[in-house]
Every structure is written in C-alpha cells, then in structure tokens.
Amino acid sequence: MGGSAPPAGEAILTYDDYLQLPDDGNRYEICEGVLHVTPSPTTGHQRVLRNLAFLLHAFVSRHDLGEVFFAPLDVVLSRISVVQPDLVYVSRTRQSVLTEKNVCGAPDLVVEIVSNSSSSADRVTKAQVYARYGVPYYWVLDPREKKLEEFRLARGIYVLVHCWEDSAAFTPEIFSGLTVDLQQVWA
C-alpha cells in the first residue's frame, strides 16, 4: 500500500491544526498530515447522500444495529488523519469510538460519494487512509455513472466485493437482510 506522506519540506498537520481551520463552507480533511480541501457538495451529491442515509438509518434503527451519521462529522482516525466521510456507520459493538464531538477511531463503514473534484482523493488517498486505520467496509458511490462499489478490508487492503450499477438490488455484505433498490438512491 502506497504512503501518502507530505512532500519534502511540507509541514505535517495535526488534529490541533484542523480545529483552527475556518468554517467557510469548504470541507477540510487531513490525511496523514496533508490538508485536503474540497468545495461544499452539490445538490445532486446531497440528494444521493440523503436517500442512502435515510434507507440505511431506517434499517439500522429497525434492527438496533448501531448508528448512521452523515457529513459534516469529524472522524478522527489518528492525530494526523481527520476525515469527514459522506456517511459513517458505527455498530453497537464499536460504540466506544463515539464521543460527544466526533468519531474517535475506525467506524464499521465509511461511504464516499465522488464528484469531479473528489474522485482521486476518495478512490486513492482516502481509501489508503481508511485501510491503514482498519475501517472494515468502504463504499464509493458515483452518481454520474450510477455505480456503487462495495469494498471489504482484507489483509490491510480493500478488495472489491461487488460493483452495483443503475437500478440493481444492492445487498451489502455488512448488513445481512438489507436490500436497497439503487434507483431509490439515485432518484
């Protein structure tokens, strides 16, 4: 797995530095000490996030499995890796990572919805960081292509479980018994 160390001479940022960043509508994240800034999400991005969060929250709540959160919420993976995934699931067995302010440790699932400005960071940089800190499941949604890629952590790297497209019936490995009509997510 490739590293994401800062370029030579660049300062390594920490969670303390992160707390000093402005609240200006941009999304700030620190991945292994490197600052990443993306603009606020589009309405299409937010629509997909809302639809998926609603469906997951309903299932998780009905079965008392844990909690579903969505951005903006800090996930502090380490002193030098603070991210804001689009969606986070924390199971009952991992509730100890929840604090009053943030998620402090690896959640069970992180979900990123890619856009033109975030695709490379979501698919490479953030995937490496999530794997490094032991996030068991990672989903990448691409609303333009109507595609959801489901990854599972295996021996320190993410392996593709399945790629779901268009209006497929998505049956995520992490949620036994859940079937999601992806058309409801893209709508």
C-alpha atoms as a PDB file:
ATOM      1  CA  MET A   1       0.000   0.000   0.000  1.00  0.00           C
ATOM      2  CA  GLY A   2       1.482   3.329  -1.032  1.00  0.00           C
ATOM      3  CA  GLY A   3       2.032   6.026   1.545  1.00  0.00           C
ATOM      4  CA  SER A   4       0.611   9.482   1.467  1.00  0.00           C
ATOM      5  CA  ALA A   5       3.391  11.299   3.304  1.00  0.00           C
ATOM      6  CA  PRO A   6       3.631  15.031   2.758  1.00  0.00           C
ATOM      7  CA  PRO A   7       6.109  16.257   0.139  1.00  0.00           C
ATOM      8  CA  ALA A   8       9.582  17.058   1.416  1.00  0.00           C
ATOM      9  CA  GLY A   9       9.622  20.242   3.446  1.00  0.00           C
ATOM     10  CA  GLU A  10       5.846  20.373   3.904  1.00  0.00           C
ATOM     11  CA  ALA A  11       4.566  20.571   7.460  1.00  0.00           C
ATOM     12  CA  ILE A  12       2.602  17.662   8.864  1.00  0.00           C
ATOM     13  CA  LEU A  13      -0.730  18.942  10.119  1.00  0.00           C
ATOM     14  CA  THR A  14      -2.434  17.521  13.202  1.00  0.00           C
ATOM     15  CA  TYR A  15      -5.898  17.440  14.725  1.00  0.00           C
ATOM     16  CA  ASP A  16      -4.994  20.583  16.711  1.00  0.00           C
ATOM     17  CA  ASP A  17      -4.258  22.391  13.419  1.00  0.00           C
ATOM     18  CA  TYR A  18      -7.505  21.035  11.984  1.00  0.00           C
ATOM     19  CA  LEU A  19      -9.506  22.590  14.821  1.00  0.00           C
ATOM     20  CA  GLN A  20      -8.132  26.016  13.802  1.00  0.00           C
ATOM     21  CA  LEU A  21      -9.350  25.814  10.184  1.00  0.00           C
ATOM     22  CA  PRO A  22     -12.107  28.255   9.155  1.00  0.00           C
ATOM     23  CA  ASP A  23     -15.787  27.339   8.989  1.00  0.00           C
ATOM     24  CA  ASP A  24     -16.237  28.692   5.461  1.00  0.00           C
ATOM     25  CA  GLY A  25     -18.344  26.091   3.640  1.00  0.00           C
ATOM     26  CA  ASN A  26     -15.374  24.086   2.378  1.00  0.00           C
ATOM     27  CA  ARG A  27     -14.713  20.541   3.546  1.00  0.00           C
ATOM     28  CA  TYR A  28     -11.338  20.264   5.251  1.00  0.00           C
ATOM     29  CA  GLU A  29      -9.702  16.916   5.914  1.00  0.00           C
ATOM     30  CA  ILE A  30      -6.206  15.889   6.970  1.00  0.00           C
ATOM     31  CA  CYS A  31      -4.955  12.599   5.538  1.00  0.00           C
ATOM     32  CA  GLU A  32      -1.672  11.503   7.095  1.00  0.00           C
ATOM     33  CA  GLY A  33      -0.736  15.103   7.839  1.00  0.00           C
ATOM     34  CA  VAL A  34      -1.686  16.505   4.408  1.00  0.00           C
ATOM     35  CA  LEU A  35      -4.532  19.028   4.121  1.00  0.00           C
ATOM     36  CA  HIS A  36      -7.253  18.290   1.555  1.00  0.00           C
ATOM     37  CA  VAL A  37      -9.879  20.917   0.743  1.00  0.00           C
ATOM     38  CA  THR A  38     -12.979  20.355  -1.353  1.00  0.00           C
ATOM     39  CA  PRO A  39     -15.874  22.715  -2.031  1.00  0.00           C
ATOM     40  CA  SER A  40     -19.232  22.153  -0.421  1.00  0.00           C
ATOM     41  CA  PRO A  41     -21.271  19.393  -2.086  1.00  0.00           C
ATOM     42  CA  THR A  42     -23.737  19.932  -4.916  1.00  0.00           C
ATOM     43  CA  THR A  43     -27.471  19.393  -4.622  1.00  0.00           C
ATOM     44  CA  GLY A  44     -27.158  16.134  -6.586  1.00  0.00           C
ATOM     45  CA  HIS A  45     -24.498  14.877  -4.176  1.00  0.00           C
ATOM     46  CA  GLN A  46     -26.654  15.841  -1.192  1.00  0.00           C
ATOM     47  CA  ARG A  47     -29.718  14.158  -2.704  1.00  0.00           C
ATOM     48  CA  VAL A  48     -27.863  10.844  -3.089  1.00  0.00           C
ATOM     49  CA  LEU A  49     -26.451  11.172   0.435  1.00  0.00           C
ATOM     50  CA  ARG A  50     -29.887  11.928   1.903  1.00  0.00           C
ATOM     51  CA  ASN A  51     -31.522   8.994   0.111  1.00  0.00           C
ATOM     52  CA  LEU A  52     -28.855   6.483   1.139  1.00  0.00           C
ATOM     53  CA  ALA A  53     -28.675   7.791   4.713  1.00  0.00           C
ATOM     54  CA  PHE A  54     -32.468   7.533   5.059  1.00  0.00           C
ATOM     55  CA  LEU A  55     -32.535   3.927   3.815  1.00  0.00           C
ATOM     56  CA  LEU A  56     -29.589   2.833   5.971  1.00  0.00           C
ATOM     57  CA  HIS A  57     -30.830   4.661   9.051  1.00  0.00           C
ATOM     58  CA  ALA A  58     -34.253   3.015   8.766  1.00  0.00           C
ATOM     59  CA  PHE A  59     -32.716  -0.479   8.532  1.00  0.00           C
ATOM     60  CA  VAL A  60     -30.106   0.067  11.257  1.00  0.00           C
ATOM     61  CA  SER A  61     -32.678   1.581  13.643  1.00  0.00           C
ATOM     62  CA  ARG A  62     -35.300  -1.099  12.979  1.00  0.00           C
ATOM     63  CA  HIS A  63     -32.770  -3.831  13.839  1.00  0.00           C
ATOM     64  CA  ASP A  64     -30.999  -1.887  16.630  1.00  0.00           C
ATOM     65  CA  LEU A  65     -27.619  -2.386  14.936  1.00  0.00           C
ATOM     66  CA  GLY A  66     -25.913   0.908  15.812  1.00  0.00           C
ATOM     67  CA  GLU A  67     -25.953   4.419  14.376  1.00  0.00           C
ATOM     68  CA  VAL A  68     -25.676   6.111  10.980  1.00  0.00           C
ATOM     69  CA  PHE A  69     -24.148   9.603  10.696  1.00  0.00           C
ATOM     70  CA  PHE A  70     -23.519  11.885   7.723  1.00  0.00           C
ATOM     71  CA  ALA A  71     -21.188  14.794   6.971  1.00  0.00           C
ATOM     72  CA  PRO A  72     -20.178  17.066   8.371  1.00  0.00           C
ATOM     73  CA  LEU A  73     -18.901  14.895  11.233  1.00  0.00           C
ATOM     74  CA  ASP A  74     -15.243  14.516  12.100  1.00  0.00           C
ATOM     75  CA  VAL A  75     -13.812  11.014  12.112  1.00  0.00           C
ATOM     76  CA  VAL A  76     -10.518  11.210  13.980  1.00  0.00           C
ATOM     77  CA  LEU A  77      -8.528   8.177  12.879  1.00  0.00           C
ATOM     78  CA  SER A  78      -5.268   9.479  14.357  1.00  0.00           C
ATOM     79  CA  ARG A  79      -3.607  12.728  15.363  1.00  0.00           C
ATOM     80  CA  ILE A  80      -2.675  13.278  11.681  1.00  0.00           C
ATOM     81  CA  SER A  81      -5.746  11.813   9.937  1.00  0.00           C
ATOM     82  CA  VAL A  82      -9.075  13.570  10.405  1.00  0.00           C
ATOM     83  CA  VAL A  83     -11.709  12.978   7.735  1.00  0.00           C
ATOM     84  CA  GLN A  84     -15.345  13.788   7.050  1.00  0.00           C
ATOM     85  CA  PRO A  85     -16.787  10.856   5.104  1.00  0.00           C
ATOM     86  CA  ASP A  86     -20.144  11.472   3.486  1.00  0.00           C
ATOM     87  CA  LEU A  87     -21.698   8.723   5.588  1.00  0.00           C
ATOM     88  CA  VAL A  88     -20.496   6.695   8.587  1.00  0.00           C
ATOM     89  CA  TYR A  89     -21.949   3.614  10.257  1.00  0.00           C
ATOM     90  CA  VAL A  90     -20.904   2.594  13.769  1.00  0.00           C
ATOM     91  CA  SER A  91     -22.196  -0.759  15.029  1.00  0.00           C
ATOM     92  CA  ARG A  92     -23.284  -1.456  18.608  1.00  0.00           C
ATOM     93  CA  THR A  93     -20.037  -3.364  19.168  1.00  0.00           C
ATOM     94  CA  ARG A  94     -17.941  -0.305  18.215  1.00  0.00           C
ATOM     95  CA  GLN A  95     -19.929   2.324  20.139  1.00  0.00           C
ATOM     96  CA  SER A  96     -16.806   3.141  22.178  1.00  0.00           C
ATOM     97  CA  VAL A  97     -15.483   5.197  19.212  1.00  0.00           C
ATOM     98  CA  LEU A  98     -18.356   7.680  19.588  1.00  0.00           C
ATOM     99  CA  THR A  99     -17.608  10.794  21.623  1.00  0.00           C
ATOM    100  CA  GLU A 100     -19.630  13.927  22.248  1.00  0.00           C
ATOM    101  CA  LYS A 101     -17.694  15.758  19.481  1.00  0.00           C
ATOM    102  CA  ASN A 102     -16.748  13.143  16.894  1.00  0.00           C
ATOM    103  CA  VAL A 103     -15.997   9.566  15.956  1.00  0.00           C
ATOM    104  CA  CYS A 104     -12.618   8.797  17.507  1.00  0.00           C
ATOM    105  CA  GLY A 105     -11.396   5.615  15.825  1.00  0.00           C
ATOM    106  CA  ALA A 106     -12.449   3.408  12.941  1.00  0.00           C
ATOM    107  CA  PRO A 107     -16.179   3.123  12.221  1.00  0.00           C
ATOM    108  CA  ASP A 108     -17.526  -0.100  10.676  1.00  0.00           C
ATOM    109  CA  LEU A 109     -18.335   1.566   7.342  1.00  0.00           C
ATOM    110  CA  VAL A 110     -17.436   4.770   5.542  1.00  0.00           C
ATOM    111  CA  VAL A 111     -19.160   5.927   2.377  1.00  0.00           C
ATOM    112  CA  GLU A 112     -17.839   8.493  -0.084  1.00  0.00           C
ATOM    113  CA  ILE A 113     -19.895   9.993  -2.904  1.00  0.00           C
ATOM    114  CA  VAL A 114     -17.473  11.028  -5.626  1.00  0.00           C
ATOM    115  CA  SER A 115     -17.568  14.170  -7.714  1.00  0.00           C
ATOM    116  CA  ASN A 116     -15.195  15.620 -10.283  1.00  0.00           C
ATOM    117  CA  SER A 117     -13.252  17.396  -7.538  1.00  0.00           C
ATOM    118  CA  SER A 118     -13.034  14.456  -5.124  1.00  0.00           C
ATOM    119  CA  SER A 119     -12.742  11.299  -7.236  1.00  0.00           C
ATOM    120  CA  SER A 120      -8.968  10.832  -6.957  1.00  0.00           C
ATOM    121  CA  ALA A 121      -8.849  11.646  -3.251  1.00  0.00           C
ATOM    122  CA  ASP A 122     -11.798   9.347  -2.471  1.00  0.00           C
ATOM    123  CA  ARG A 123     -10.620   6.423  -4.589  1.00  0.00           C
ATOM    124  CA  VAL A 124      -6.922   6.507  -3.678  1.00  0.00           C
ATOM    125  CA  THR A 125      -5.798   8.746  -0.832  1.00  0.00           C
ATOM    126  CA  LYS A 126      -8.754   8.311   1.489  1.00  0.00           C
ATOM    127  CA  ALA A 127      -9.101   4.604   0.686  1.00  0.00           C
ATOM    128  CA  GLN A 128      -5.483   4.098   1.784  1.00  0.00           C
ATOM    129  CA  VAL A 129      -6.077   6.049   4.989  1.00  0.00           C
ATOM    130  CA  TYR A 130      -9.287   4.152   5.804  1.00  0.00           C
ATOM    131  CA  ALA A 131      -7.497   0.847   5.208  1.00  0.00           C
ATOM    132  CA  ARG A 132      -4.484   1.887   7.300  1.00  0.00           C
ATOM    133  CA  TYR A 133      -6.716   2.615  10.290  1.00  0.00           C
ATOM    134  CA  GLY A 134      -8.808  -0.540   9.948  1.00  0.00           C
ATOM    135  CA  VAL A 135     -12.193   0.584   8.607  1.00  0.00           C
ATOM    136  CA  PRO A 136     -13.734  -2.805   7.658  1.00  0.00           C
ATOM    137  CA  TYR A 137     -16.053  -1.623   4.858  1.00  0.00           C
ATOM    138  CA  TYR A 138     -15.783   1.187   2.319  1.00  0.00           C
ATOM    139  CA  TRP A 139     -18.361   2.143  -0.313  1.00  0.00           C
ATOM    140  CA  VAL A 140     -17.738   4.524  -3.199  1.00  0.00           C
ATOM    141  CA  LEU A 141     -20.792   5.926  -4.987  1.00  0.00           C
ATOM    142  CA  ASP A 142     -20.581   7.648  -8.350  1.00  0.00           C
ATOM    143  CA  PRO A 143     -23.924   9.380  -9.044  1.00  0.00           C
ATOM    144  CA  ARG A 144     -22.954  10.348 -12.616  1.00  0.00           C
ATOM    145  CA  GLU A 145     -22.325   6.735 -13.591  1.00  0.00           C
ATOM    146  CA  LYS A 146     -24.953   5.378 -11.182  1.00  0.00           C
ATOM    147  CA  LYS A 147     -22.429   2.969  -9.721  1.00  0.00           C
ATOM    148  CA  LEU A 148     -21.748   1.775  -6.184  1.00  0.00           C
ATOM    149  CA  GLU A 149     -18.529  -0.084  -5.415  1.00  0.00           C
ATOM    150  CA  GLU A 150     -18.515  -2.135  -2.208  1.00  0.00           C
ATOM    151  CA  PHE A 151     -15.100  -2.868  -0.671  1.00  0.00           C
ATOM    152  CA  ARG A 152     -14.074  -5.035   2.298  1.00  0.00           C
ATOM    153  CA  LEU A 153     -10.778  -4.744   4.155  1.00  0.00           C
ATOM    154  CA  ALA A 154      -8.658  -7.890   3.794  1.00  0.00           C
ATOM    155  CA  ARG A 155      -5.049  -8.090   4.982  1.00  0.00           C
ATOM    156  CA  GLY A 156      -4.668  -4.326   5.072  1.00  0.00           C
ATOM    157  CA  ILE A 157      -6.096  -3.506   1.632  1.00  0.00           C
ATOM    158  CA  TYR A 158      -9.564  -3.081   0.192  1.00  0.00           C
ATOM    159  CA  VAL A 159     -10.843  -5.795  -2.094  1.00  0.00           C
ATOM    160  CA  LEU A 160     -13.854  -5.233  -4.304  1.00  0.00           C
ATOM    161  CA  VAL A 161     -16.811  -7.259  -3.034  1.00  0.00           C
ATOM    162  CA  HIS A 162     -19.118  -6.191  -5.837  1.00  0.00           C
ATOM    163  CA  CYS A 163     -19.846  -3.327  -8.209  1.00  0.00           C
ATOM    164  CA  TRP A 164     -23.536  -2.453  -8.314  1.00  0.00           C
ATOM    165  CA  GLU A 165     -24.950  -0.361 -11.173  1.00  0.00           C
ATOM    166  CA  ASP A 166     -28.059   1.528 -12.244  1.00  0.00           C
ATOM    167  CA  SER A 167     -31.187   0.142 -10.560  1.00  0.00           C
ATOM    168  CA  ALA A 168     -29.620  -3.042  -9.177  1.00  0.00           C
ATOM    169  CA  ALA A 169     -30.853  -4.580  -5.938  1.00  0.00           C
ATOM    170  CA  PHE A 170     -27.892  -3.773  -3.674  1.00  0.00           C
ATOM    171  CA  THR A 171     -27.405  -6.354  -0.901  1.00  0.00           C
ATOM    172  CA  PRO A 172     -24.478  -5.077   1.180  1.00  0.00           C
ATOM    173  CA  GLU A 173     -22.319  -7.683   2.862  1.00  0.00           C
ATOM    174  CA  ILE A 174     -22.168  -5.703   6.119  1.00  0.00           C
ATOM    175  CA  PHE A 175     -25.984  -5.584   6.538  1.00  0.00           C
ATOM    176  CA  SER A 176     -27.446  -9.078   6.354  1.00  0.00           C
ATOM    177  CA  GLY A 177     -31.075  -8.914   5.216  1.00  0.00           C
ATOM    178  CA  LEU A 178     -30.913  -5.443   3.664  1.00  0.00           C
ATOM    179  CA  THR A 179     -31.792  -4.969   0.009  1.00  0.00           C
ATOM    180  CA  VAL A 180     -31.609  -1.475  -1.471  1.00  0.00           C
ATOM    181  CA  ASP A 181     -33.112  -0.627  -4.840  1.00  0.00           C
ATOM    182  CA  LEU A 182     -30.363   1.688  -6.105  1.00  0.00           C
ATOM    183  CA  GLN A 183     -32.910   3.572  -8.184  1.00  0.00           C
ATOM    184  CA  GLN A 184     -34.152   4.973  -4.839  1.00  0.00           C
ATOM    185  CA  VAL A 185     -30.622   6.192  -4.083  1.00  0.00           C
ATOM    186  CA  TRP A 186     -30.036   7.930  -7.432  1.00  0.00           C
ATOM    187  CA  ALA A 187     -33.568   9.483  -7.560  1.00  0.00           C
END
